[in-house]
Protein backbone atom coordinates (compact mmCIF):
# COMPACT_ATOMS: atom_id res chain seq x y z
CA MET A 1 0.01 0.01 0.00
CA GLN A 2 1.22 3.46 -0.86
CA GLU A 3 2.25 5.71 1.98
CA ARG A 4 0.11 8.78 2.59
CA THR A 5 1.64 12.21 1.99
CA LEU A 6 0.55 14.99 4.38
CA ILE A 7 -0.26 18.37 2.85
CA THR A 8 -1.12 21.19 5.22
CA GLY A 9 -2.42 24.69 4.87
CA ASN A 10 -3.72 27.35 7.25
CA ASP A 11 -6.24 28.57 4.69
CA ASN A 12 -7.68 27.56 1.31
CA GLU A 13 -5.22 29.70 -0.66
CA THR A 14 -2.22 28.08 1.05
CA MET A 15 -3.74 24.63 0.53
CA VAL A 16 -4.17 25.31 -3.20
CA GLN A 17 -0.57 26.53 -3.41
CA ASN A 18 0.70 23.47 -1.56
CA LEU A 19 -1.28 21.11 -3.79
CA SER A 20 0.09 22.87 -6.91
CA THR A 21 3.64 22.56 -5.53
CA TYR A 22 3.17 18.85 -4.71
CA PHE A 23 1.84 17.97 -8.13
CA GLY A 24 4.46 20.13 -9.84
CA GLN A 25 7.05 17.88 -8.17
CA GLN A 26 5.26 14.69 -9.16
CA PRO A 27 4.58 15.09 -12.94
CA GLU A 28 5.06 11.44 -13.83
CA ALA A 29 3.36 9.77 -10.84
CA PHE A 30 0.18 7.79 -11.47
CA GLN A 31 -0.89 7.18 -7.89
CA HIS A 32 -1.29 9.67 -5.07
CA SER A 33 -2.50 9.11 -1.55
CA LEU A 34 -2.74 12.37 0.36
CA THR A 35 -4.02 13.68 3.68
CA LEU A 36 -5.08 17.30 3.37
CA LEU A 37 -4.97 18.94 6.78
CA GLN A 38 -6.36 22.40 7.33
CA GLY A 39 -6.95 23.24 10.99
CA GLU A 40 -8.95 20.38 12.41
CA ARG A 41 -10.37 19.36 9.02
CA GLN A 42 -8.80 16.28 7.49
CA VAL A 43 -9.67 15.18 3.97
CA LEU A 44 -8.24 12.11 2.27
CA LEU A 45 -7.45 12.50 -1.41
CA GLU A 46 -6.65 9.50 -3.50
CA ILE A 47 -5.79 9.61 -7.20
CA ASP A 48 -5.24 6.46 -9.24
CA ILE A 49 -4.35 6.63 -12.94
CA ASP A 50 -3.76 3.50 -14.99
CA PRO A 51 -2.97 4.47 -18.59
CA GLY A 52 -3.54 0.95 -19.78
CA GLY A 53 -1.52 -0.50 -22.56
CA GLY A 54 -1.75 -3.23 -25.08
CA PHE A 55 -5.37 -4.25 -25.19
CA GLU A 56 -6.29 -2.51 -21.92
CA SER A 57 -8.01 0.82 -22.04
CA GLY A 58 -6.96 2.02 -18.60
CA TYR A 59 -8.87 4.05 -16.04
CA ALA A 60 -8.48 7.05 -13.77
CA THR A 61 -10.16 8.11 -10.51
CA THR A 62 -9.95 10.95 -8.08
CA ARG A 63 -11.55 10.54 -4.65
CA PHE A 64 -12.06 12.98 -1.80
CA SER A 65 -13.45 11.54 1.44
CA ALA A 66 -14.06 12.81 4.96
CA PRO A 67 -15.94 11.58 8.05
CA VAL A 68 -19.04 13.62 8.98
CA GLN A 69 -20.65 13.67 12.40
CA ILE A 70 -24.43 14.21 12.33
CA GLU A 71 -27.18 13.01 14.57
CA ASN A 72 -29.80 12.05 12.02
CA ASP A 73 -30.32 9.83 9.01
CA PHE A 74 -29.71 12.52 6.37
CA ALA A 75 -28.35 11.23 3.11
CA PHE A 76 -27.93 12.45 -0.46
CA THR A 77 -26.35 11.56 -3.77
CA ILE A 78 -25.61 13.98 -6.60
CA HIS A 79 -24.30 13.20 -10.07
CA PRO A 80 -24.37 14.98 -13.42
CA GLU A 81 -27.38 14.84 -15.70
CA GLY A 82 -26.75 12.64 -18.72
CA PHE A 83 -28.04 9.94 -21.03
CA LEU A 84 -28.13 7.21 -18.36
CA ALA A 85 -29.88 9.56 -15.92
CA ASP A 86 -32.47 10.43 -18.58
CA PHE A 87 -33.00 6.74 -19.21
CA ALA A 88 -33.32 5.99 -15.48
CA LYS A 89 -35.94 8.75 -15.08
CA LEU A 90 -38.12 6.84 -17.50
CA PHE A 91 -38.10 3.97 -14.99
CA GLY A 92 -38.87 6.06 -11.93
CA LEU A 93 -35.62 7.60 -10.71
CA GLN A 94 -36.47 10.44 -8.33
CA ASP A 95 -34.71 13.67 -9.15
CA GLU A 96 -35.19 16.43 -6.58
CA VAL A 97 -35.42 19.99 -7.84
CA ILE A 98 -33.97 22.27 -5.13
CA GLY A 99 -34.72 25.70 -6.55
CA TYR A 100 -31.50 26.67 -8.34
CA PRO A 101 -32.52 26.37 -12.03
CA GLU A 102 -29.05 26.18 -13.63
CA PHE A 103 -27.87 23.62 -11.02
CA ASP A 104 -31.11 21.61 -11.20
CA LYS A 105 -30.80 21.32 -14.99
CA LYS A 106 -27.27 19.89 -14.75
CA VAL A 107 -27.46 17.43 -11.84
CA ILE A 108 -29.55 14.56 -10.55
CA ILE A 109 -30.21 14.80 -6.79
CA LYS A 110 -31.48 11.97 -4.61
CA THR A 111 -32.05 12.75 -0.94
CA ASN A 112 -34.23 12.15 2.04
CA ASN A 113 -34.22 15.86 2.93
CA LYS A 114 -34.70 18.24 0.02
CA GLU A 115 -34.66 21.36 2.24
CA LYS A 116 -31.31 20.47 3.71
CA VAL A 117 -29.78 19.91 0.27
CA THR A 118 -31.18 23.26 -0.84
CA SER A 119 -29.42 24.91 2.10
CA ILE A 120 -26.18 22.98 1.57
CA PHE A 121 -25.96 24.27 -2.03
CA LYS A 122 -26.88 27.89 -1.30
CA ASP A 123 -23.42 29.09 -2.35
CA ALA A 124 -23.30 29.82 -6.08
CA GLY A 125 -19.56 29.02 -6.32
CA THR A 126 -20.11 25.53 -4.84
CA ARG A 127 -23.02 24.88 -7.16
CA GLN A 128 -20.90 26.04 -10.14
CA VAL A 129 -18.12 23.52 -9.36
CA PHE A 130 -20.57 20.57 -9.29
CA ALA A 131 -22.71 21.83 -12.17
CA THR A 132 -19.67 21.91 -14.50
CA LEU A 133 -17.90 18.77 -13.22
CA GLU A 134 -18.38 15.63 -15.30
CA ASN A 135 -18.44 11.91 -14.46
CA TYR A 136 -18.69 12.18 -10.70
CA THR A 137 -20.75 11.17 -7.69
CA LEU A 138 -21.00 13.24 -4.54
CA GLN A 139 -22.69 11.46 -1.68
CA LEU A 140 -23.23 11.37 2.02
CA GLN A 141 -23.56 7.79 3.12
CA GLN A 142 -23.38 5.58 6.17
CA GLY A 143 -19.72 4.87 6.64
CA GLY A 144 -18.57 4.76 10.19
CA GLU A 145 -18.40 2.71 13.31
CA THR A 146 -21.40 4.44 14.89
CA ASP A 147 -24.90 5.29 13.66
CA SER A 148 -24.04 9.00 13.72
CA GLN A 149 -20.93 8.75 11.59
CA ARG A 150 -21.33 9.28 7.90
CA LEU A 151 -18.81 9.55 5.09
CA LEU A 152 -18.87 12.35 2.55
CA LEU A 153 -17.40 11.05 -0.74
CA LEU A 154 -16.61 12.73 -4.02
CA ASN A 155 -15.68 10.18 -6.68
CA ILE A 156 -14.54 11.53 -10.03
CA GLU A 157 -13.91 9.22 -13.00
CA GLU A 158 -10.87 11.16 -14.10
CA GLY A 159 -7.32 11.54 -12.79
CA VAL A 160 -7.22 15.17 -11.72
CA THR A 161 -3.58 16.28 -11.05
CA ASP A 162 -3.80 19.98 -11.73
CA GLY A 163 -3.21 21.75 -8.38
CA THR A 164 -5.56 24.66 -9.18
CA THR A 165 -8.39 22.37 -10.18
CA LEU A 166 -7.85 20.16 -7.16
CA GLY A 167 -7.92 23.29 -5.03
CA GLN A 168 -11.30 24.28 -6.47
CA LEU A 169 -12.63 20.74 -5.88
CA TYR A 170 -11.20 20.70 -2.35
CA GLN A 171 -12.85 24.04 -1.53
CA ALA A 172 -16.23 22.95 -2.90
CA PHE A 173 -15.95 19.60 -1.09
CA CYS A 174 -15.14 21.37 2.22
CA ASP A 175 -17.99 23.84 1.70
CA VAL A 176 -20.43 20.94 1.32
CA TRP A 177 -18.88 19.19 4.33
CA GLN A 178 -19.22 22.25 6.53
CA GLN A 179 -22.82 22.81 5.43
CA VAL A 180 -23.76 19.14 6.08
CA GLU A 181 -22.47 19.43 9.66
CA THR A 182 -24.05 22.79 10.42
CA VAL A 183 -27.41 22.85 8.56
């Protein structure tokens, strides 16, 4: 198993700079396992890129994850609108409309608390990141040792290694995380 690299930052700007520096020093690496530590917030970032070869087509993933402490059964899943989502709607897939027209047109939202999701995505910048991102799933799911522990996951089917882009994703992920815990 690959050893985790610790990247710290006192604020988002510093974290973005440190991510850019790290990836600037690792231009040929295909796997990254990072702990992003900002204050008391700790986010795990894992990037796995397999370029394939021969008859293999390869794959790439980027994954942000963080434990979330909440005292209820709140859950949600968000992914981009697309052909498969349109097909699934024909067979009864529930898509919540949360009141942000440009965001609602571009994503599929499944949740057990529409009002909470509406509040979580009140920031236009956060909505913009997830409205323009492709091939991803953002979800809050059961994922801990206790009933109150959940896991916030952002899985992207792409190997993102640009420090600035990762910084934007990190910021949006942390914004959602903070809203989940406080709303």
